[in-house]
Amino acid sequence: MKPDSNRTNPLGQQVEYTFTYNPELLFPVPRTVGRETLGLGGNRPLPFFGEDIWNCWELSWLNDRGKPISAVMELRIPCTSQCIIESKSLKLYLNSFNMSRFKDQQEVAQIIGADLSSTAGTEVQVRIFDCNDRKTLMTTVPRGRCIDDLEAGDYVYRVDPALLRCSDKKAENETLCSNILRTNCPVTGQPDWATVEITYSGNKIDESSLLAYLVSFRTHTGYHENCVETIYVHLMEHLLLDSLTISGRFTRRGGVDINPCRSSAQTPFANHRLVRQ
């Protein structure tokens, strides 16, 4: 779906909730909006592979007899899509299923898949789970060694990749994590919180400098996807890493959590729910 300049982003707007199916509620945001500042886009290939994993915890519709059905849904949107889907518009769209009747779960998944694929400009994978599926409800701890107990020399609150340092030593498939990432919605200014997981090989990252760098996002405004891509680009460019995989596990808002994943290699991404999600 090409963005319509005559439509208004519902984020930050007072809107009337609709409880009957309406795909027109979906609002696309071009990925170029965030990538231009990173020097990405145009005809050049992206310097990473990846996808955005969305978990939707408040999906509900009526079956053909009018009985409410509740479920959990996972979405996977390739990072090569033309657009991201504005999250508030997705929540409004999912609410529009609440009082609409559908034959079965498969029909719901097919309709959502077609609508989201049209909006994003590429195929979106949709999986719907029963609320009693224990695997979708279990939480785990972040992967890797947490750097949050370290101290940095100084803390700044404007993104500064010059804070990043590495040593002469080498690391092989080392995994680090941090729970302190705070960014801000580019429309409403509301804070977003995330756990960052980083697996890399190459020059060994100075972990205190990485902590200081992540702290520097504290007043940064950007969509989740762009924030993770910014971290990826800065780590690769300033530390000259051999390989890098990064995921941002953002906390839930409005029944949805968004988890962008980017990697220098084509690799499958696990959807492991963390305790804050």
C-alpha atoms as a PDB file:
ATOM      1  CA  MET A   1       0.000   0.000   0.000  1.00  0.00           C
ATOM      2  CA  LYS A   2       1.372   3.385  -0.966  1.00  0.00           C
ATOM      3  CA  PRO A   3       1.082   5.993   1.814  1.00  0.00           C
ATOM      4  CA  ASP A   4      -1.847   8.361   1.224  1.00  0.00           C
ATOM      5  CA  SER A   5      -0.829  11.971   1.827  1.00  0.00           C
ATOM      6  CA  ASN A   6      -4.489  12.842   2.502  1.00  0.00           C
ATOM      7  CA  ARG A   7      -4.681  10.491   5.494  1.00  0.00           C
ATOM      8  CA  THR A   8      -3.570  11.431   8.992  1.00  0.00           C
ATOM      9  CA  ASN A   9      -1.490   9.238  11.258  1.00  0.00           C
ATOM     10  CA  PRO A  10      -3.864   8.206  14.086  1.00  0.00           C
ATOM     11  CA  LEU A  11      -1.016   8.266  16.588  1.00  0.00           C
ATOM     12  CA  GLY A  12      -1.493  11.234  18.903  1.00  0.00           C
ATOM     13  CA  GLN A  13      -5.009  11.841  17.580  1.00  0.00           C
ATOM     14  CA  GLN A  14      -8.295  11.331  19.395  1.00  0.00           C
ATOM     15  CA  VAL A  15     -10.114   8.645  17.451  1.00  0.00           C
ATOM     16  CA  GLU A  16     -13.424   6.840  17.697  1.00  0.00           C
ATOM     17  CA  TYR A  17     -13.117   3.112  18.253  1.00  0.00           C
ATOM     18  CA  THR A  18     -14.713   0.838  15.677  1.00  0.00           C
ATOM     19  CA  PHE A  19     -15.683  -2.702  16.588  1.00  0.00           C
ATOM     20  CA  THR A  20     -16.687  -4.015  13.165  1.00  0.00           C
ATOM     21  CA  TYR A  21     -14.042  -5.175  10.703  1.00  0.00           C
ATOM     22  CA  ASN A  22     -12.408  -2.261   8.876  1.00  0.00           C
ATOM     23  CA  PRO A  23      -9.048  -2.684   7.053  1.00  0.00           C
ATOM     24  CA  GLU A  24      -9.030   1.035   6.191  1.00  0.00           C
ATOM     25  CA  LEU A  25      -7.879   1.703   9.756  1.00  0.00           C
ATOM     26  CA  LEU A  26      -4.360   0.458   8.927  1.00  0.00           C
ATOM     27  CA  PHE A  27      -1.820   3.242   8.389  1.00  0.00           C
ATOM     28  CA  PRO A  28       1.540   2.658   6.620  1.00  0.00           C
ATOM     29  CA  VAL A  29       4.712   4.582   7.485  1.00  0.00           C
ATOM     30  CA  PRO A  30       7.502   4.442   4.847  1.00  0.00           C
ATOM     31  CA  ARG A  31      10.712   2.926   6.175  1.00  0.00           C
ATOM     32  CA  THR A  32      12.623   5.642   4.326  1.00  0.00           C
ATOM     33  CA  VAL A  33      11.488   8.110   6.998  1.00  0.00           C
ATOM     34  CA  GLY A  34      13.978   6.699   9.503  1.00  0.00           C
ATOM     35  CA  ARG A  35      16.612   5.304   7.154  1.00  0.00           C
ATOM     36  CA  GLU A  36      17.516   8.497   5.315  1.00  0.00           C
ATOM     37  CA  THR A  37      19.318   9.857   8.387  1.00  0.00           C
ATOM     38  CA  LEU A  38      21.446   6.683   8.450  1.00  0.00           C
ATOM     39  CA  GLY A  39      22.435   7.005   4.810  1.00  0.00           C
ATOM     40  CA  LEU A  40      20.333   3.980   3.880  1.00  0.00           C
ATOM     41  CA  GLY A  41      17.813   3.610   1.126  1.00  0.00           C
ATOM     42  CA  GLY A  42      17.727   4.498  -2.522  1.00  0.00           C
ATOM     43  CA  ASN A  43      18.855   1.708  -4.850  1.00  0.00           C
ATOM     44  CA  ARG A  44      21.572   0.468  -2.522  1.00  0.00           C
ATOM     45  CA  PRO A  45      21.057  -2.891  -0.793  1.00  0.00           C
ATOM     46  CA  LEU A  46      20.458  -2.787   2.945  1.00  0.00           C
ATOM     47  CA  PRO A  47      23.528  -3.619   5.084  1.00  0.00           C
ATOM     48  CA  PHE A  48      21.514  -6.096   7.129  1.00  0.00           C
ATOM     49  CA  PHE A  49      18.898  -8.826   7.040  1.00  0.00           C
ATOM     50  CA  GLY A  50      16.041  -9.046   9.476  1.00  0.00           C
ATOM     51  CA  GLU A  51      12.424  -8.760  10.419  1.00  0.00           C
ATOM     52  CA  ASP A  52      10.114  -7.136  12.934  1.00  0.00           C
ATOM     53  CA  ILE A  53       8.318  -9.575  15.234  1.00  0.00           C
ATOM     54  CA  TRP A  54       5.051  -8.306  16.679  1.00  0.00           C
ATOM     55  CA  ASN A  55       3.179 -10.078  19.476  1.00  0.00           C
ATOM     56  CA  CYS A  56      -0.498  -9.170  19.746  1.00  0.00           C
ATOM     57  CA  TRP A  57      -2.034 -10.245  23.039  1.00  0.00           C
ATOM     58  CA  GLU A  58      -5.588  -8.907  22.697  1.00  0.00           C
ATOM     59  CA  LEU A  59      -6.956 -10.503  19.525  1.00  0.00           C
ATOM     60  CA  SER A  60     -10.664 -11.376  19.696  1.00  0.00           C
ATOM     61  CA  TRP A  61     -13.512 -11.985  17.245  1.00  0.00           C
ATOM     62  CA  LEU A  62     -16.913 -13.694  17.087  1.00  0.00           C
ATOM     63  CA  ASN A  63     -17.384 -17.142  15.569  1.00  0.00           C
ATOM     64  CA  ASP A  64     -20.209 -17.792  13.121  1.00  0.00           C
ATOM     65  CA  ARG A  65     -22.627 -18.375  16.024  1.00  0.00           C
ATOM     66  CA  GLY A  66     -21.674 -15.110  17.743  1.00  0.00           C
ATOM     67  CA  LYS A  67     -19.489 -16.624  20.453  1.00  0.00           C
ATOM     68  CA  PRO A  68     -16.388 -14.552  21.349  1.00  0.00           C
ATOM     69  CA  ILE A  69     -13.016 -16.156  20.619  1.00  0.00           C
ATOM     70  CA  SER A  70      -9.799 -14.847  22.177  1.00  0.00           C
ATOM     71  CA  ALA A  71      -6.316 -15.636  20.936  1.00  0.00           C
ATOM     72  CA  VAL A  72      -2.684 -14.495  20.747  1.00  0.00           C
ATOM     73  CA  MET A  73      -1.050 -13.587  17.437  1.00  0.00           C
ATOM     74  CA  GLU A  74       2.523 -13.356  16.142  1.00  0.00           C
ATOM     75  CA  LEU A  75       3.370 -11.199  13.118  1.00  0.00           C
ATOM     76  CA  ARG A  76       6.652 -11.211  11.206  1.00  0.00           C
ATOM     77  CA  ILE A  77       7.308  -8.281   8.857  1.00  0.00           C
ATOM     78  CA  PRO A  78      10.489  -8.428   6.701  1.00  0.00           C
ATOM     79  CA  CYS A  79      12.824  -5.452   7.093  1.00  0.00           C
ATOM     80  CA  THR A  80      12.726  -5.121   3.290  1.00  0.00           C
ATOM     81  CA  SER A  81       9.068  -4.079   3.335  1.00  0.00           C
ATOM     82  CA  GLN A  82       8.238  -0.706   1.838  1.00  0.00           C
ATOM     83  CA  CYS A  83       6.442   0.393   4.994  1.00  0.00           C
ATOM     84  CA  ILE A  84       6.092  -0.375   8.652  1.00  0.00           C
ATOM     85  CA  ILE A  85       2.590  -0.466  10.096  1.00  0.00           C
ATOM     86  CA  GLU A  86       1.881   2.322  12.552  1.00  0.00           C
ATOM     87  CA  SER A  87       1.209   0.518  15.825  1.00  0.00           C
ATOM     88  CA  LYS A  88      -1.841   2.465  16.996  1.00  0.00           C
ATOM     89  CA  SER A  89      -3.500   1.873  13.633  1.00  0.00           C
ATOM     90  CA  LEU A  90      -2.860  -1.864  14.053  1.00  0.00           C
ATOM     91  CA  LYS A  91      -4.478  -1.811  17.490  1.00  0.00           C
ATOM     92  CA  LEU A  92      -7.523   0.020  16.108  1.00  0.00           C
ATOM     93  CA  TYR A  93      -7.666  -2.460  13.231  1.00  0.00           C
ATOM     94  CA  LEU A  94      -7.523  -5.480  15.558  1.00  0.00           C
ATOM     95  CA  ASN A  95     -10.262  -3.950  17.739  1.00  0.00           C
ATOM     96  CA  SER A  96     -12.458  -3.838  14.629  1.00  0.00           C
ATOM     97  CA  PHE A  97     -12.605  -7.653  14.741  1.00  0.00           C
ATOM     98  CA  ASN A  98     -14.206  -7.680  18.195  1.00  0.00           C
ATOM     99  CA  MET A  99     -17.853  -7.628  17.071  1.00  0.00           C
ATOM    100  CA  SER A 100     -17.420  -9.185  13.617  1.00  0.00           C
ATOM    101  CA  ARG A 101     -18.219 -12.815  12.791  1.00  0.00           C
ATOM    102  CA  PHE A 102     -15.778 -15.171  11.078  1.00  0.00           C
ATOM    103  CA  LYS A 103     -15.974 -18.830  10.151  1.00  0.00           C
ATOM    104  CA  ASP A 104     -12.871 -19.935  12.034  1.00  0.00           C
ATOM    105  CA  GLN A 105      -9.346 -19.035  13.125  1.00  0.00           C
ATOM    106  CA  GLN A 106      -7.916 -19.845   9.701  1.00  0.00           C
ATOM    107  CA  GLU A 107     -10.200 -17.297   8.039  1.00  0.00           C
ATOM    108  CA  VAL A 108      -9.149 -14.634  10.553  1.00  0.00           C
ATOM    109  CA  ALA A 109      -5.452 -15.368   9.914  1.00  0.00           C
ATOM    110  CA  GLN A 110      -5.922 -15.223   6.139  1.00  0.00           C
ATOM    111  CA  ILE A 111      -7.763 -11.889   6.296  1.00  0.00           C
ATOM    112  CA  ILE A 112      -5.213 -10.309   8.645  1.00  0.00           C
ATOM    113  CA  GLY A 113      -2.321 -11.628   6.545  1.00  0.00           C
ATOM    114  CA  ALA A 114      -3.767 -10.171   3.341  1.00  0.00           C
ATOM    115  CA  ASP A 115      -4.547  -6.786   4.921  1.00  0.00           C
ATOM    116  CA  LEU A 116      -1.163  -6.384   6.603  1.00  0.00           C
ATOM    117  CA  SER A 117       0.744  -7.558   3.533  1.00  0.00           C
ATOM    118  CA  SER A 118      -1.076  -4.954   1.444  1.00  0.00           C
ATOM    119  CA  THR A 119      -0.273  -2.233   3.980  1.00  0.00           C
ATOM    120  CA  ALA A 120       3.403  -3.168   4.455  1.00  0.00           C
ATOM    121  CA  GLY A 121       4.048  -3.790   0.758  1.00  0.00           C
ATOM    122  CA  THR A 122       5.353  -7.324   1.281  1.00  0.00           C
ATOM    123  CA  GLU A 123       4.161 -10.647   2.640  1.00  0.00           C
ATOM    124  CA  VAL A 124       3.539 -10.583   6.384  1.00  0.00           C
ATOM    125  CA  GLN A 125       3.566 -13.908   8.219  1.00  0.00           C
ATOM    126  CA  VAL A 126       0.656 -14.411  10.624  1.00  0.00           C
ATOM    127  CA  ARG A 127       0.378 -17.094  13.291  1.00  0.00           C
ATOM    128  CA  ILE A 128      -2.528 -17.284  15.732  1.00  0.00           C
ATOM    129  CA  PHE A 129      -2.235 -19.270  18.974  1.00  0.00           C
ATOM    130  CA  ASP A 130      -4.716 -20.464  21.544  1.00  0.00           C
ATOM    131  CA  CYS A 131      -4.497 -18.554  24.831  1.00  0.00           C
ATOM    132  CA  ASN A 132      -3.878 -21.854  26.630  1.00  0.00           C
ATOM    133  CA  ASP A 133      -0.736 -22.590  24.621  1.00  0.00           C
ATOM    134  CA  ARG A 134       1.878 -22.548  27.389  1.00  0.00           C
ATOM    135  CA  LYS A 135       4.753 -21.943  24.979  1.00  0.00           C
ATOM    136  CA  THR A 136       3.355 -18.539  24.009  1.00  0.00           C
ATOM    137  CA  LEU A 137       2.870 -17.512  27.645  1.00  0.00           C
ATOM    138  CA  MET A 138       6.183 -18.596  29.160  1.00  0.00           C
ATOM    139  CA  THR A 139       8.830 -15.964  29.764  1.00  0.00           C
ATOM    140  CA  THR A 140      12.600 -16.248  29.710  1.00  0.00           C
ATOM    141  CA  VAL A 141      15.587 -14.110  30.647  1.00  0.00           C
ATOM    142  CA  PRO A 142      17.608 -12.075  28.131  1.00  0.00           C
ATOM    143  CA  ARG A 143      20.359 -13.935  26.346  1.00  0.00           C
ATOM    144  CA  GLY A 144      23.991 -13.091  27.060  1.00  0.00           C
ATOM    145  CA  ARG A 145      25.900 -11.236  29.746  1.00  0.00           C
ATOM    146  CA  CYS A 146      24.096  -8.195  31.139  1.00  0.00           C
ATOM    147  CA  ILE A 147      26.198  -5.006  31.138  1.00  0.00           C
ATOM    148  CA  ASP A 148      23.854  -2.904  33.283  1.00  0.00           C
ATOM    149  CA  ASP A 149      25.916  -3.140  36.503  1.00  0.00           C
ATOM    150  CA  LEU A 150      28.913  -1.494  34.819  1.00  0.00           C
ATOM    151  CA  GLU A 151      29.733   2.193  35.106  1.00  0.00           C
ATOM    152  CA  ALA A 152      30.735   4.590  32.345  1.00  0.00           C
ATOM    153  CA  GLY A 153      32.879   7.681  32.755  1.00  0.00           C
ATOM    154  CA  ASP A 154      30.228  10.165  31.690  1.00  0.00           C
ATOM    155  CA  TYR A 155      26.616   9.893  30.617  1.00  0.00           C
ATOM    156  CA  VAL A 156      25.075  11.946  27.859  1.00  0.00           C
ATOM    157  CA  TYR A 157      21.472  11.840  26.682  1.00  0.00           C
ATOM    158  CA  ARG A 158      21.781  12.548  22.987  1.00  0.00           C
ATOM    159  CA  VAL A 159      22.760   9.712  20.658  1.00  0.00           C
ATOM    160  CA  ASP A 160      26.530   9.735  20.228  1.00  0.00           C
ATOM    161  CA  PRO A 161      28.234   6.813  18.433  1.00  0.00           C
ATOM    162  CA  ALA A 162      31.615   8.375  19.263  1.00  0.00           C
ATOM    163  CA  LEU A 163      31.121   6.915  22.754  1.00  0.00           C
ATOM    164  CA  LEU A 164      31.708   3.417  21.380  1.00  0.00           C
ATOM    165  CA  ARG A 165      35.144   1.861  21.868  1.00  0.00           C
ATOM    166  CA  CYS A 166      36.746  -1.523  21.314  1.00  0.00           C
ATOM    167  CA  SER A 167      39.980  -3.215  22.368  1.00  0.00           C
ATOM    168  CA  ASP A 168      42.719  -4.997  20.474  1.00  0.00           C
ATOM    169  CA  LYS A 169      41.320  -8.323  21.602  1.00  0.00           C
ATOM    170  CA  LYS A 170      38.939 -10.391  19.518  1.00  0.00           C
ATOM    171  CA  ALA A 171      35.563 -11.863  20.404  1.00  0.00           C
ATOM    172  CA  GLU A 172      33.810 -14.804  18.786  1.00  0.00           C
ATOM    173  CA  ASN A 173      30.020 -14.996  18.926  1.00  0.00           C
ATOM    174  CA  GLU A 174      29.887 -13.059  22.179  1.00  0.00           C
ATOM    175  CA  THR A 175      26.415 -12.089  23.415  1.00  0.00           C
ATOM    176  CA  LEU A 176      25.702  -9.041  25.566  1.00  0.00           C
ATOM    177  CA  CYS A 177      22.414  -7.626  26.793  1.00  0.00           C
ATOM    178  CA  SER A 178      21.026  -4.538  28.490  1.00  0.00           C
ATOM    179  CA  ASN A 179      17.647  -3.589  29.933  1.00  0.00           C
ATOM    180  CA  ILE A 180      18.211   0.172  30.113  1.00  0.00           C
ATOM    181  CA  LEU A 181      17.296   1.286  26.581  1.00  0.00           C
ATOM    182  CA  ARG A 182      14.799   4.138  26.615  1.00  0.00           C
ATOM    183  CA  THR A 183      13.642   5.850  23.435  1.00  0.00           C
ATOM    184  CA  ASN A 184      10.670   8.082  22.706  1.00  0.00           C
ATOM    185  CA  CYS A 185       7.744   7.974  20.300  1.00  0.00           C
ATOM    186  CA  PRO A 186       8.383  10.456  17.456  1.00  0.00           C
ATOM    187  CA  VAL A 187       4.739  11.606  17.505  1.00  0.00           C
ATOM    188  CA  THR A 188       3.560  11.608  21.132  1.00  0.00           C
ATOM    189  CA  GLY A 189       6.908  11.805  22.945  1.00  0.00           C
ATOM    190  CA  GLN A 190       5.918   8.908  25.212  1.00  0.00           C
ATOM    191  CA  PRO A 191       8.840   6.770  26.410  1.00  0.00           C
ATOM    192  CA  ASP A 192       9.459   3.292  25.002  1.00  0.00           C
ATOM    193  CA  TRP A 193      11.489   0.703  26.919  1.00  0.00           C
ATOM    194  CA  ALA A 194      13.437  -2.246  25.588  1.00  0.00           C
ATOM    195  CA  THR A 195      15.912  -4.990  26.324  1.00  0.00           C
ATOM    196  CA  VAL A 196      18.697  -5.088  23.736  1.00  0.00           C
ATOM    197  CA  GLU A 197      20.470  -8.340  22.864  1.00  0.00           C
ATOM    198  CA  ILE A 198      23.688  -8.144  20.848  1.00  0.00           C
ATOM    199  CA  THR A 199      25.672 -11.071  19.451  1.00  0.00           C
ATOM    200  CA  TYR A 200      28.875 -10.221  17.580  1.00  0.00           C
ATOM    201  CA  SER A 201      32.281 -11.330  16.384  1.00  0.00           C
ATOM    202  CA  GLY A 202      35.324  -9.182  15.736  1.00  0.00           C
ATOM    203  CA  ASN A 203      36.961  -6.425  17.760  1.00  0.00           C
ATOM    204  CA  LYS A 204      35.990  -6.906  21.404  1.00  0.00           C
ATOM    205  CA  ILE A 205      33.515  -4.228  22.462  1.00  0.00           C
ATOM    206  CA  ASP A 206      34.380  -2.114  25.483  1.00  0.00           C
ATOM    207  CA  GLU A 207      31.272  -2.919  27.491  1.00  0.00           C
ATOM    208  CA  SER A 208      31.250   0.276  29.550  1.00  0.00           C
ATOM    209  CA  SER A 209      31.308   2.299  26.352  1.00  0.00           C
ATOM    210  CA  LEU A 210      28.412   0.233  24.985  1.00  0.00           C
ATOM    211  CA  LEU A 211      26.429   0.975  28.133  1.00  0.00           C
ATOM    212  CA  ALA A 212      27.132   4.703  27.789  1.00  0.00           C
ATOM    213  CA  TYR A 213      26.091   4.562  24.137  1.00  0.00           C
ATOM    214  CA  LEU A 214      22.767   2.883  24.938  1.00  0.00           C
ATOM    215  CA  VAL A 215      22.132   5.450  27.682  1.00  0.00           C
ATOM    216  CA  SER A 216      22.611   8.202  25.075  1.00  0.00           C
ATOM    217  CA  PHE A 217      19.297   7.155  23.451  1.00  0.00           C
ATOM    218  CA  ARG A 218      17.382   8.347  26.512  1.00  0.00           C
ATOM    219  CA  THR A 219      15.924  11.442  24.813  1.00  0.00           C
ATOM    220  CA  HIS A 220      16.049  10.090  21.249  1.00  0.00           C
ATOM    221  CA  THR A 221      12.814  10.021  19.248  1.00  0.00           C
ATOM    222  CA  GLY A 222      12.202   7.277  16.710  1.00  0.00           C
ATOM    223  CA  TYR A 223      10.080   4.273  15.860  1.00  0.00           C
ATOM    224  CA  HIS A 224      11.274   0.993  17.374  1.00  0.00           C
ATOM    225  CA  GLU A 225      12.481  -0.301  14.019  1.00  0.00           C
ATOM    226  CA  ASN A 226      14.588   2.768  13.297  1.00  0.00           C
ATOM    227  CA  CYS A 227      16.152   2.778  16.765  1.00  0.00           C
ATOM    228  CA  VAL A 228      17.377  -0.795  16.379  1.00  0.00           C
ATOM    229  CA  GLU A 229      18.695  -0.083  12.880  1.00  0.00           C
ATOM    230  CA  THR A 230      20.519   2.973  14.223  1.00  0.00           C
ATOM    231  CA  ILE A 231      22.255   0.864  16.863  1.00  0.00           C
ATOM    232  CA  TYR A 232      23.153  -1.758  14.255  1.00  0.00           C
ATOM    233  CA  VAL A 233      24.672   0.767  11.840  1.00  0.00           C
ATOM    234  CA  HIS A 234      26.622   2.577  14.548  1.00  0.00           C
ATOM    235  CA  LEU A 235      28.102  -0.632  15.973  1.00  0.00           C
ATOM    236  CA  MET A 236      29.170  -1.922  12.564  1.00  0.00           C
ATOM    237  CA  GLU A 237      30.592   1.380  11.338  1.00  0.00           C
ATOM    238  CA  HIS A 238      32.376   2.538  14.490  1.00  0.00           C
ATOM    239  CA  LEU A 239      33.648  -0.809  15.786  1.00  0.00           C
ATOM    240  CA  LEU A 240      34.325  -2.521  12.424  1.00  0.00           C
ATOM    241  CA  LEU A 241      32.752  -5.776  13.557  1.00  0.00           C
ATOM    242  CA  ASP A 242      32.978  -8.971  11.504  1.00  0.00           C
ATOM    243  CA  SER A 243      29.398 -10.014  12.247  1.00  0.00           C
ATOM    244  CA  LEU A 244      26.507  -8.650  14.250  1.00  0.00           C
ATOM    245  CA  THR A 245      23.007  -9.697  15.267  1.00  0.00           C
ATOM    246  CA  ILE A 246      20.861  -7.382  17.353  1.00  0.00           C
ATOM    247  CA  SER A 247      17.320  -7.497  18.648  1.00  0.00           C
ATOM    248  CA  GLY A 248      15.299  -4.933  20.576  1.00  0.00           C
ATOM    249  CA  ARG A 249      12.618  -6.526  22.758  1.00  0.00           C
ATOM    250  CA  PHE A 250      10.300  -3.583  23.476  1.00  0.00           C
ATOM    251  CA  THR A 251       7.775  -3.644  26.285  1.00  0.00           C
ATOM    252  CA  ARG A 252       4.107  -4.071  25.564  1.00  0.00           C
ATOM    253  CA  ARG A 253       1.859  -1.109  24.868  1.00  0.00           C
ATOM    254  CA  GLY A 254      -1.840  -1.364  24.092  1.00  0.00           C
ATOM    255  CA  GLY A 255      -1.667  -5.142  23.963  1.00  0.00           C
ATOM    256  CA  VAL A 256       1.177  -5.221  21.400  1.00  0.00           C
ATOM    257  CA  ASP A 257       4.944  -5.582  21.741  1.00  0.00           C
ATOM    258  CA  ILE A 258       7.322  -4.943  18.821  1.00  0.00           C
ATOM    259  CA  ASN A 259      10.681  -6.672  18.476  1.00  0.00           C
ATOM    260  CA  PRO A 260      12.907  -5.565  15.568  1.00  0.00           C
ATOM    261  CA  CYS A 261      15.763  -7.968  14.739  1.00  0.00           C
ATOM    262  CA  ARG A 262      18.676  -7.198  12.415  1.00  0.00           C
ATOM    263  CA  SER A 263      21.709  -9.285  11.426  1.00  0.00           C
ATOM    264  CA  SER A 264      24.664  -9.288   9.070  1.00  0.00           C
ATOM    265  CA  ALA A 265      23.680 -12.863   8.119  1.00  0.00           C
ATOM    266  CA  GLN A 266      20.447 -14.475   7.044  1.00  0.00           C
ATOM    267  CA  THR A 267      19.528 -16.196  10.265  1.00  0.00           C
ATOM    268  CA  PRO A 268      16.273 -17.301  11.902  1.00  0.00           C
ATOM    269  CA  PHE A 269      15.123 -15.134  14.790  1.00  0.00           C
ATOM    270  CA  ALA A 270      13.608 -16.697  17.881  1.00  0.00           C
ATOM    271  CA  ASN A 271      10.578 -15.033  19.420  1.00  0.00           C
ATOM    272  CA  HIS A 272      11.350 -15.427  23.112  1.00  0.00           C
ATOM    273  CA  ARG A 273       9.131 -13.432  25.437  1.00  0.00           C
ATOM    274  CA  LEU A 274      10.958 -11.565  28.208  1.00  0.00           C
ATOM    275  CA  VAL A 275       9.628 -10.868  31.686  1.00  0.00           C
ATOM    276  CA  ARG A 276       8.751  -7.220  30.899  1.00  0.00           C
ATOM    277  CA  GLN A 277       6.617  -8.291  27.946  1.00  0.00           C
END
